[in-house]
Amino acid sequence: MLALARKINESIIINDNIEVIVLEIKGDQVKLGISAPKSVPIYRKEIYMAIQEENIAAAKFNTESIPSLDSVFKKE
């Protein structure tokens, strides 16, 4: 991990096309601005982790549901 000290209105550049700017510091909270191409997804970590958990749950194959699908596709 790279740790950097920045002041208000100072920024860092990531990969030539992402800029992270320190907008405000209040007590123990820092407000950041992120400028990146629209193709780059940006999430708060807790949201990212929730998405990952949902994707893992959705990817689990439930073999118990297969027989019930039989009636949906049954030809008459």
C-alpha atoms as a PDB file:
ATOM      1  CA  MET A   1       0.000   0.000   0.000  1.00  0.00           C
ATOM      2  CA  LEU A   2       1.207   3.470  -0.858  1.00  0.00           C
ATOM      3  CA  ALA A   3       0.430   6.080   1.816  1.00  0.00           C
ATOM      4  CA  LEU A   4       0.516   9.734   0.781  1.00  0.00           C
ATOM      5  CA  ALA A   5      -0.090  12.978   2.656  1.00  0.00           C
ATOM      6  CA  ARG A   6      -2.191  15.540   0.770  1.00  0.00           C
ATOM      7  CA  LYS A   7      -3.690  18.887   1.737  1.00  0.00           C
ATOM      8  CA  ILE A   8      -6.986  20.414   0.617  1.00  0.00           C
ATOM      9  CA  ASN A   9      -7.062  20.960  -3.174  1.00  0.00           C
ATOM     10  CA  GLU A  10      -4.073  18.661  -3.681  1.00  0.00           C
ATOM     11  CA  SER A  11      -4.510  15.510  -5.701  1.00  0.00           C
ATOM     12  CA  ILE A  12      -2.982  12.291  -6.922  1.00  0.00           C
ATOM     13  CA  ILE A  13      -3.078  10.849 -10.435  1.00  0.00           C
ATOM     14  CA  ILE A  14      -3.651   7.128 -11.030  1.00  0.00           C
ATOM     15  CA  ASN A  15      -2.870   5.503 -14.376  1.00  0.00           C
ATOM     16  CA  ASP A  16      -2.785   8.804 -16.329  1.00  0.00           C
ATOM     17  CA  ASN A  17      -6.587   9.111 -16.363  1.00  0.00           C
ATOM     18  CA  ILE A  18      -7.873   9.064 -12.769  1.00  0.00           C
ATOM     19  CA  GLU A  19      -7.469  12.038 -10.453  1.00  0.00           C
ATOM     20  CA  VAL A  20      -8.310  11.910  -6.743  1.00  0.00           C
ATOM     21  CA  ILE A  21      -8.601  15.359  -5.146  1.00  0.00           C
ATOM     22  CA  VAL A  22      -8.868  16.207  -1.442  1.00  0.00           C
ATOM     23  CA  LEU A  23     -11.870  18.543  -1.327  1.00  0.00           C
ATOM     24  CA  GLU A  24     -12.446  18.998   2.381  1.00  0.00           C
ATOM     25  CA  ILE A  25     -11.201  17.824   5.768  1.00  0.00           C
ATOM     26  CA  LYS A  26     -13.534  18.018   8.786  1.00  0.00           C
ATOM     27  CA  GLY A  27     -12.350  16.319  11.965  1.00  0.00           C
ATOM     28  CA  ASP A  28     -11.779  12.659  11.161  1.00  0.00           C
ATOM     29  CA  GLN A  29     -13.584  12.807   7.816  1.00  0.00           C
ATOM     30  CA  VAL A  30     -12.024  13.533   4.419  1.00  0.00           C
ATOM     31  CA  LYS A  31     -14.116  14.435   1.363  1.00  0.00           C
ATOM     32  CA  LEU A  32     -12.578  13.249  -1.907  1.00  0.00           C
ATOM     33  CA  GLY A  33     -13.399  14.114  -5.490  1.00  0.00           C
ATOM     34  CA  ILE A  34     -12.665  11.524  -8.152  1.00  0.00           C
ATOM     35  CA  SER A  35     -12.346  12.333 -11.830  1.00  0.00           C
ATOM     36  CA  ALA A  36     -12.235   9.249 -14.039  1.00  0.00           C
ATOM     37  CA  PRO A  37     -13.519   8.024 -17.403  1.00  0.00           C
ATOM     38  CA  LYS A  38     -17.132   6.813 -17.350  1.00  0.00           C
ATOM     39  CA  SER A  39     -15.873   3.320 -18.189  1.00  0.00           C
ATOM     40  CA  VAL A  40     -14.124   3.101 -14.795  1.00  0.00           C
ATOM     41  CA  PRO A  41     -16.505   1.928 -12.057  1.00  0.00           C
ATOM     42  CA  ILE A  42     -16.064   3.694  -8.713  1.00  0.00           C
ATOM     43  CA  TYR A  43     -17.661   2.307  -5.537  1.00  0.00           C
ATOM     44  CA  ARG A  44     -17.380   2.854  -1.811  1.00  0.00           C
ATOM     45  CA  LYS A  45     -15.746  -0.288  -0.424  1.00  0.00           C
ATOM     46  CA  GLU A  46     -18.816  -1.418   1.552  1.00  0.00           C
ATOM     47  CA  ILE A  47     -20.955  -1.194  -1.608  1.00  0.00           C
ATOM     48  CA  TYR A  48     -18.314  -3.029  -3.649  1.00  0.00           C
ATOM     49  CA  MET A  49     -18.164  -5.835  -1.081  1.00  0.00           C
ATOM     50  CA  ALA A  50     -21.979  -6.148  -1.048  1.00  0.00           C
ATOM     51  CA  ILE A  51     -22.005  -6.417  -4.858  1.00  0.00           C
ATOM     52  CA  GLN A  52     -19.327  -9.121  -4.716  1.00  0.00           C
ATOM     53  CA  GLU A  53     -21.310 -11.109  -2.118  1.00  0.00           C
ATOM     54  CA  GLU A  54     -24.479 -10.864  -4.226  1.00  0.00           C
ATOM     55  CA  ASN A  55     -22.580 -12.017  -7.325  1.00  0.00           C
ATOM     56  CA  ILE A  56     -21.197 -15.023  -5.457  1.00  0.00           C
ATOM     57  CA  ALA A  57     -24.662 -15.919  -4.138  1.00  0.00           C
ATOM     58  CA  ALA A  58     -26.201 -15.571  -7.608  1.00  0.00           C
ATOM     59  CA  ALA A  59     -23.512 -17.767  -9.143  1.00  0.00           C
ATOM     60  CA  LYS A  60     -24.181 -20.684  -6.808  1.00  0.00           C
ATOM     61  CA  PHE A  61     -25.906 -23.422  -8.738  1.00  0.00           C
ATOM     62  CA  ASN A  62     -29.022 -24.753  -7.015  1.00  0.00           C
ATOM     63  CA  THR A  63     -29.665 -28.261  -8.315  1.00  0.00           C
ATOM     64  CA  GLU A  64     -32.896 -28.549  -6.291  1.00  0.00           C
ATOM     65  CA  SER A  65     -34.650 -26.048  -8.578  1.00  0.00           C
ATOM     66  CA  ILE A  66     -34.078 -28.052 -11.772  1.00  0.00           C
ATOM     67  CA  PRO A  67     -37.052 -30.456 -11.368  1.00  0.00           C
ATOM     68  CA  SER A  68     -39.450 -27.538 -10.820  1.00  0.00           C
ATOM     69  CA  LEU A  69     -38.288 -25.979 -14.095  1.00  0.00           C
ATOM     70  CA  ASP A  70     -39.319 -29.143 -15.889  1.00  0.00           C
ATOM     71  CA  SER A  71     -42.981 -28.175 -15.734  1.00  0.00           C
ATOM     72  CA  VAL A  72     -42.266 -24.767 -17.211  1.00  0.00           C
ATOM     73  CA  PHE A  73     -40.680 -26.212 -20.323  1.00  0.00           C
ATOM     74  CA  LYS A  74     -42.824 -29.337 -20.644  1.00  0.00           C
ATOM     75  CA  LYS A  75     -44.231 -29.802 -24.139  1.00  0.00           C
ATOM     76  CA  GLU A  76     -47.866 -30.748 -24.401  1.00  0.00           C
END
